[in-house]
Amino acid sequence: MSTPTRYRVIALYKQLIYLGREYPAGADYFHKKLKGAFMKNKDLTDPAEIQKRIDLGDYVCKEIEAMYHINKYRAMKKRYYEDAEVENIQAKLENANWAQGSGSSATQSSPRQ
């Protein structure tokens, strides 16, 4: 493994350890899985295969960050909207969807008359 690739792999490992601190299943669980994945691929020598694994690691980083953003959004939504308001909004959406669904079926049934 060339020196720049080695530094990139080490940086990826550190970044994933940092992101794993708040993992829902626990930091220890995440760290064990991460270490296992890196140890499984420690003997790779093909530069193309190493780059493929680095790209996969970058994808995992982005997915974890997206999951954290979604969790933060849901927590803020729970704080600022009361349950009654959320249920009211959901009921309005369901009624609107039902009204749209019945309106489209009425237009479909009118040619049969």
N, C-alpha and C. Protein backbone atom coordinates (compact mmCIF):
# COMPACT_ATOMS: atom_id res chain seq x y z
N MET A 1 0.86 -1.17 0.00
CA MET A 1 0.00 0.00 0.00
C MET A 1 0.90 1.23 0.00
N SER A 2 0.62 2.16 -0.89
CA SER A 2 1.43 3.38 -0.97
C SER A 2 1.13 4.27 0.23
N THR A 3 2.03 5.19 0.48
CA THR A 3 1.91 6.07 1.65
C THR A 3 0.65 6.94 1.61
N PRO A 4 0.31 7.60 0.48
CA PRO A 4 -0.93 8.39 0.48
C PRO A 4 -2.18 7.55 0.74
N THR A 5 -2.19 6.33 0.19
CA THR A 5 -3.34 5.45 0.41
C THR A 5 -3.42 5.04 1.87
N ARG A 6 -2.26 4.77 2.45
CA ARG A 6 -2.21 4.38 3.87
C ARG A 6 -2.77 5.51 4.74
N TYR A 7 -2.36 6.73 4.47
CA TYR A 7 -2.86 7.87 5.24
C TYR A 7 -4.36 8.06 5.03
N ARG A 8 -4.83 7.80 3.83
CA ARG A 8 -6.27 7.94 3.55
C ARG A 8 -7.08 6.90 4.32
N VAL A 9 -6.56 5.67 4.39
CA VAL A 9 -7.24 4.60 5.13
C VAL A 9 -7.27 4.93 6.61
N ILE A 10 -6.17 5.41 7.15
CA ILE A 10 -6.11 5.78 8.56
C ILE A 10 -7.06 6.93 8.86
N ALA A 11 -7.12 7.92 7.97
CA ALA A 11 -8.03 9.05 8.16
C ALA A 11 -9.48 8.58 8.12
N LEU A 12 -9.79 7.65 7.22
CA LEU A 12 -11.14 7.10 7.12
C LEU A 12 -11.51 6.36 8.40
N TYR A 13 -10.58 5.59 8.93
CA TYR A 13 -10.82 4.86 10.17
C TYR A 13 -11.10 5.82 11.32
N LYS A 14 -10.29 6.87 11.42
CA LYS A 14 -10.50 7.86 12.48
C LYS A 14 -11.83 8.57 12.33
N GLN A 15 -12.20 8.90 11.10
CA GLN A 15 -13.47 9.57 10.86
C GLN A 15 -14.64 8.67 11.26
N LEU A 16 -14.55 7.39 10.92
CA LEU A 16 -15.62 6.47 11.27
C LEU A 16 -15.70 6.25 12.79
N ILE A 17 -14.56 6.22 13.46
CA ILE A 17 -14.58 6.10 14.92
C ILE A 17 -15.27 7.32 15.52
N TYR A 18 -14.96 8.49 14.99
CA TYR A 18 -15.59 9.73 15.48
C TYR A 18 -17.10 9.69 15.26
N LEU A 19 -17.53 9.27 14.07
CA LEU A 19 -18.96 9.20 13.77
C LEU A 19 -19.67 8.13 14.60
N GLY A 20 -18.97 7.10 14.98
CA GLY A 20 -19.57 6.00 15.72
C GLY A 20 -19.84 6.30 17.18
N ARG A 21 -19.40 7.44 17.67
CA ARG A 21 -19.61 7.77 19.08
C ARG A 21 -21.08 7.85 19.45
N GLU A 22 -21.92 8.29 18.53
CA GLU A 22 -23.34 8.46 18.82
C GLU A 22 -24.21 7.42 18.10
N TYR A 23 -23.62 6.32 17.69
CA TYR A 23 -24.37 5.30 16.96
C TYR A 23 -25.48 4.74 17.84
N PRO A 24 -26.69 4.55 17.29
CA PRO A 24 -27.83 4.12 18.10
C PRO A 24 -27.61 2.79 18.85
N ALA A 25 -26.88 1.86 18.26
CA ALA A 25 -26.66 0.57 18.91
C ALA A 25 -25.53 0.63 19.93
N GLY A 26 -24.86 1.76 20.01
CA GLY A 26 -23.79 1.93 20.99
C GLY A 26 -22.43 2.06 20.32
N ALA A 27 -21.57 2.82 20.95
CA ALA A 27 -20.24 3.07 20.40
C ALA A 27 -19.39 1.80 20.41
N ASP A 28 -19.53 0.98 21.45
CA ASP A 28 -18.74 -0.26 21.52
C ASP A 28 -19.11 -1.21 20.39
N TYR A 29 -20.41 -1.35 20.14
CA TYR A 29 -20.87 -2.21 19.04
C TYR A 29 -20.31 -1.71 17.71
N PHE A 30 -20.41 -0.40 17.49
CA PHE A 30 -19.93 0.17 16.23
C PHE A 30 -18.43 -0.04 16.09
N HIS A 31 -17.69 0.19 17.17
CA HIS A 31 -16.23 0.06 17.11
C HIS A 31 -15.81 -1.38 16.82
N LYS A 32 -16.50 -2.36 17.42
CA LYS A 32 -16.17 -3.76 17.15
C LYS A 32 -16.41 -4.11 15.69
N LYS A 33 -17.55 -3.68 15.15
CA LYS A 33 -17.86 -3.95 13.74
C LYS A 33 -16.87 -3.25 12.81
N LEU A 34 -16.52 -2.02 13.16
CA LEU A 34 -15.58 -1.25 12.34
C LEU A 34 -14.21 -1.92 12.32
N LYS A 35 -13.73 -2.29 13.49
CA LYS A 35 -12.42 -2.93 13.58
C LYS A 35 -12.42 -4.25 12.82
N GLY A 36 -13.50 -5.01 12.93
CA GLY A 36 -13.60 -6.27 12.20
C GLY A 36 -13.55 -6.08 10.69
N ALA A 37 -14.23 -5.04 10.22
CA ALA A 37 -14.23 -4.77 8.77
C ALA A 37 -12.85 -4.36 8.28
N PHE A 38 -12.18 -3.54 9.05
CA PHE A 38 -10.84 -3.11 8.64
C PHE A 38 -9.83 -4.25 8.74
N MET A 39 -9.95 -5.07 9.76
CA MET A 39 -9.02 -6.19 9.90
C MET A 39 -9.24 -7.24 8.82
N LYS A 40 -10.48 -7.40 8.38
CA LYS A 40 -10.79 -8.36 7.32
C LYS A 40 -10.10 -7.95 6.01
N ASN A 41 -9.96 -6.66 5.79
CA ASN A 41 -9.40 -6.16 4.53
C ASN A 41 -7.95 -5.69 4.67
N LYS A 42 -7.29 -6.04 5.75
CA LYS A 42 -5.93 -5.54 5.97
C LYS A 42 -4.90 -6.10 5.00
N ASP A 43 -5.18 -7.24 4.40
CA ASP A 43 -4.21 -7.88 3.51
C ASP A 43 -4.41 -7.55 2.04
N LEU A 44 -5.28 -6.61 1.73
CA LEU A 44 -5.49 -6.23 0.33
C LEU A 44 -4.25 -5.55 -0.23
N THR A 45 -3.89 -5.91 -1.47
CA THR A 45 -2.72 -5.30 -2.09
C THR A 45 -3.06 -4.63 -3.42
N ASP A 46 -4.16 -5.00 -4.03
CA ASP A 46 -4.57 -4.43 -5.31
C ASP A 46 -5.04 -2.98 -5.10
N PRO A 47 -4.37 -2.00 -5.72
CA PRO A 47 -4.76 -0.60 -5.52
C PRO A 47 -6.21 -0.29 -5.92
N ALA A 48 -6.71 -0.94 -6.95
CA ALA A 48 -8.09 -0.71 -7.38
C ALA A 48 -9.06 -1.22 -6.31
N GLU A 49 -8.77 -2.37 -5.74
CA GLU A 49 -9.64 -2.93 -4.70
C GLU A 49 -9.58 -2.08 -3.43
N ILE A 50 -8.41 -1.58 -3.09
CA ILE A 50 -8.27 -0.71 -1.93
C ILE A 50 -9.08 0.57 -2.13
N GLN A 51 -8.99 1.15 -3.33
CA GLN A 51 -9.74 2.37 -3.62
C GLN A 51 -11.25 2.11 -3.56
N LYS A 52 -11.66 0.93 -4.01
CA LYS A 52 -13.07 0.56 -3.96
C LYS A 52 -13.55 0.50 -2.51
N ARG A 53 -12.72 -0.06 -1.63
CA ARG A 53 -13.08 -0.14 -0.21
C ARG A 53 -13.08 1.24 0.45
N ILE A 54 -12.16 2.11 0.05
CA ILE A 54 -12.14 3.48 0.57
C ILE A 54 -13.42 4.21 0.15
N ASP A 55 -13.81 4.04 -1.11
CA ASP A 55 -15.05 4.67 -1.59
C ASP A 55 -16.26 4.14 -0.81
N LEU A 56 -16.28 2.86 -0.52
CA LEU A 56 -17.36 2.28 0.28
C LEU A 56 -17.37 2.89 1.68
N GLY A 57 -16.19 3.08 2.26
CA GLY A 57 -16.10 3.71 3.58
C GLY A 57 -16.61 5.14 3.56
N ASP A 58 -16.30 5.88 2.49
CA ASP A 58 -16.81 7.25 2.36
C ASP A 58 -18.34 7.25 2.26
N TYR A 59 -18.88 6.28 1.54
CA TYR A 59 -20.34 6.16 1.42
C TYR A 59 -20.97 5.88 2.78
N VAL A 60 -20.35 5.00 3.55
CA VAL A 60 -20.86 4.69 4.89
C VAL A 60 -20.84 5.93 5.76
N CYS A 61 -19.78 6.74 5.66
CA CYS A 61 -19.71 7.99 6.43
C CYS A 61 -20.88 8.90 6.09
N LYS A 62 -21.15 9.05 4.82
CA LYS A 62 -22.26 9.92 4.41
C LYS A 62 -23.60 9.38 4.89
N GLU A 63 -23.77 8.07 4.86
CA GLU A 63 -25.02 7.47 5.33
C GLU A 63 -25.20 7.67 6.83
N ILE A 64 -24.13 7.53 7.59
CA ILE A 64 -24.21 7.73 9.04
C ILE A 64 -24.55 9.18 9.35
N GLU A 65 -23.90 10.10 8.64
CA GLU A 65 -24.20 11.52 8.84
C GLU A 65 -25.67 11.82 8.52
N ALA A 66 -26.18 11.23 7.44
CA ALA A 66 -27.59 11.43 7.07
C ALA A 66 -28.52 10.88 8.16
N MET A 67 -28.17 9.73 8.71
CA MET A 67 -28.98 9.14 9.77
C MET A 67 -29.00 10.06 10.99
N TYR A 68 -27.86 10.65 11.33
CA TYR A 68 -27.80 11.57 12.47
C TYR A 68 -28.65 12.81 12.22
N HIS A 69 -28.63 13.32 11.00
CA HIS A 69 -29.43 14.50 10.67
C HIS A 69 -30.93 14.19 10.78
N ILE A 70 -31.32 13.01 10.33
CA ILE A 70 -32.73 12.62 10.42
C ILE A 70 -33.14 12.49 11.88
N ASN A 71 -32.28 11.88 12.69
CA ASN A 71 -32.62 11.73 14.11
C ASN A 71 -32.74 13.09 14.80
N LYS A 72 -31.87 14.02 14.45
CA LYS A 72 -31.94 15.36 15.04
C LYS A 72 -33.21 16.08 14.59
N TYR A 73 -33.57 15.92 13.33
CA TYR A 73 -34.79 16.53 12.81
C TYR A 73 -36.01 15.98 13.54
N ARG A 74 -36.07 14.67 13.73
CA ARG A 74 -37.20 14.07 14.42
C ARG A 74 -37.28 14.54 15.86
N ALA A 75 -36.12 14.69 16.53
CA ALA A 75 -36.13 15.16 17.91
C ALA A 75 -36.64 16.60 17.98
N MET A 76 -36.22 17.45 17.05
CA MET A 76 -36.71 18.84 17.04
C MET A 76 -38.21 18.88 16.75
N LYS A 77 -38.66 18.03 15.86
CA LYS A 77 -40.08 18.00 15.52
C LYS A 77 -40.91 17.61 16.74
N LYS A 78 -40.42 16.66 17.51
CA LYS A 78 -41.13 16.24 18.72
C LYS A 78 -41.16 17.37 19.76
N ARG A 79 -40.09 18.16 19.82
CA ARG A 79 -40.05 19.24 20.80
C ARG A 79 -41.00 20.37 20.47
N TYR A 80 -41.10 20.71 19.20
CA TYR A 80 -41.83 21.91 18.82
C TYR A 80 -43.28 21.67 18.43
N TYR A 81 -43.64 20.45 18.17
CA TYR A 81 -45.03 20.14 17.83
C TYR A 81 -45.59 19.24 18.91
N GLU A 82 -46.72 19.63 19.42
CA GLU A 82 -47.39 18.78 20.39
C GLU A 82 -48.03 17.61 19.66
N ASP A 83 -48.30 16.56 20.38
CA ASP A 83 -48.88 15.36 19.76
C ASP A 83 -50.22 15.65 19.11
N ALA A 84 -51.02 16.50 19.74
CA ALA A 84 -52.33 16.82 19.18
C ALA A 84 -52.19 17.54 17.84
N GLU A 85 -51.22 18.43 17.76
CA GLU A 85 -51.01 19.15 16.50
C GLU A 85 -50.57 18.20 15.40
N VAL A 86 -49.68 17.28 15.73
CA VAL A 86 -49.19 16.33 14.74
C VAL A 86 -50.33 15.44 14.27
N GLU A 87 -51.16 14.98 15.20
CA GLU A 87 -52.30 14.14 14.81
C GLU A 87 -53.28 14.92 13.95
N ASN A 88 -53.49 16.20 14.27
CA ASN A 88 -54.39 17.05 13.49
C ASN A 88 -53.85 17.22 12.07
N ILE A 89 -52.56 17.46 11.95
CA ILE A 89 -51.94 17.63 10.62
C ILE A 89 -52.05 16.32 9.84
N GLN A 90 -51.78 15.19 10.50
CA GLN A 90 -51.87 13.91 9.81
C GLN A 90 -53.29 13.62 9.36
N ALA A 91 -54.27 13.96 10.20
CA ALA A 91 -55.67 13.74 9.83
C ALA A 91 -56.04 14.58 8.61
N LYS A 92 -55.60 15.83 8.58
CA LYS A 92 -55.88 16.69 7.43
C LYS A 92 -55.25 16.11 6.16
N LEU A 93 -54.03 15.61 6.27
CA LEU A 93 -53.38 15.02 5.10
C LEU A 93 -54.11 13.77 4.63
N GLU A 94 -54.55 12.94 5.57
CA GLU A 94 -55.28 11.74 5.19
C GLU A 94 -56.60 12.09 4.52
N ASN A 95 -57.29 13.10 5.05
CA ASN A 95 -58.56 13.53 4.44
C ASN A 95 -58.32 14.09 3.04
N ALA A 96 -57.26 14.84 2.89
CA ALA A 96 -56.94 15.39 1.57
C ALA A 96 -56.60 14.27 0.59
N ASN A 97 -55.86 13.28 1.04
CA ASN A 97 -55.51 12.15 0.17
C ASN A 97 -56.76 11.34 -0.18
N TRP A 98 -57.65 11.16 0.80
CA TRP A 98 -58.87 10.41 0.54
C TRP A 98 -59.75 11.16 -0.45
N ALA A 99 -59.83 12.49 -0.28
CA ALA A 99 -60.66 13.30 -1.18
C ALA A 99 -60.09 13.25 -2.60
N GLN A 100 -58.78 13.28 -2.73
CA GLN A 100 -58.17 13.21 -4.05
C GLN A 100 -58.39 11.84 -4.66
N GLY A 101 -58.31 10.81 -3.82
CA GLY A 101 -58.51 9.45 -4.32
C GLY A 101 -59.93 9.21 -4.77
N SER A 102 -60.92 9.73 -4.02
CA SER A 102 -62.31 9.53 -4.42
C SER A 102 -62.67 10.39 -5.61
N GLY A 103 -62.05 11.54 -5.75
CA GLY A 103 -62.31 12.41 -6.90
C GLY A 103 -61.82 11.78 -8.18
N SER A 104 -60.70 11.10 -8.12
CA SER A 104 -60.17 10.48 -9.33
C SER A 104 -61.01 9.26 -9.71
N SER A 105 -61.55 8.54 -8.70
CA SER A 105 -62.37 7.39 -9.05
C SER A 105 -63.72 7.83 -9.61
N ALA A 106 -64.22 9.00 -9.17
CA ALA A 106 -65.49 9.50 -9.69
C ALA A 106 -65.34 9.89 -11.16
N THR A 107 -64.20 10.43 -11.52
CA THR A 107 -64.01 10.80 -12.93
C THR A 107 -63.82 9.56 -13.78
N GLN A 108 -63.28 8.51 -13.17
CA GLN A 108 -63.11 7.29 -13.93
C GLN A 108 -64.44 6.57 -14.13
N SER A 109 -65.36 6.69 -13.16
CA SER A 109 -66.63 5.98 -13.27
C SER A 109 -67.63 6.74 -14.15
N SER A 110 -67.45 8.03 -14.37
CA SER A 110 -68.42 8.80 -15.15
C SER A 110 -68.51 8.35 -16.61
N PRO A 111 -67.45 7.92 -17.29
CA PRO A 111 -67.64 7.47 -18.67
C PRO A 111 -68.50 6.23 -18.79
N ARG A 112 -68.64 5.43 -17.74
CA ARG A 112 -69.47 4.24 -17.80
C ARG A 112 -70.96 4.59 -17.82
N GLN A 113 -71.33 5.73 -17.33
CA GLN A 113 -72.74 6.10 -17.23
C GLN A 113 -73.31 6.44 -18.55
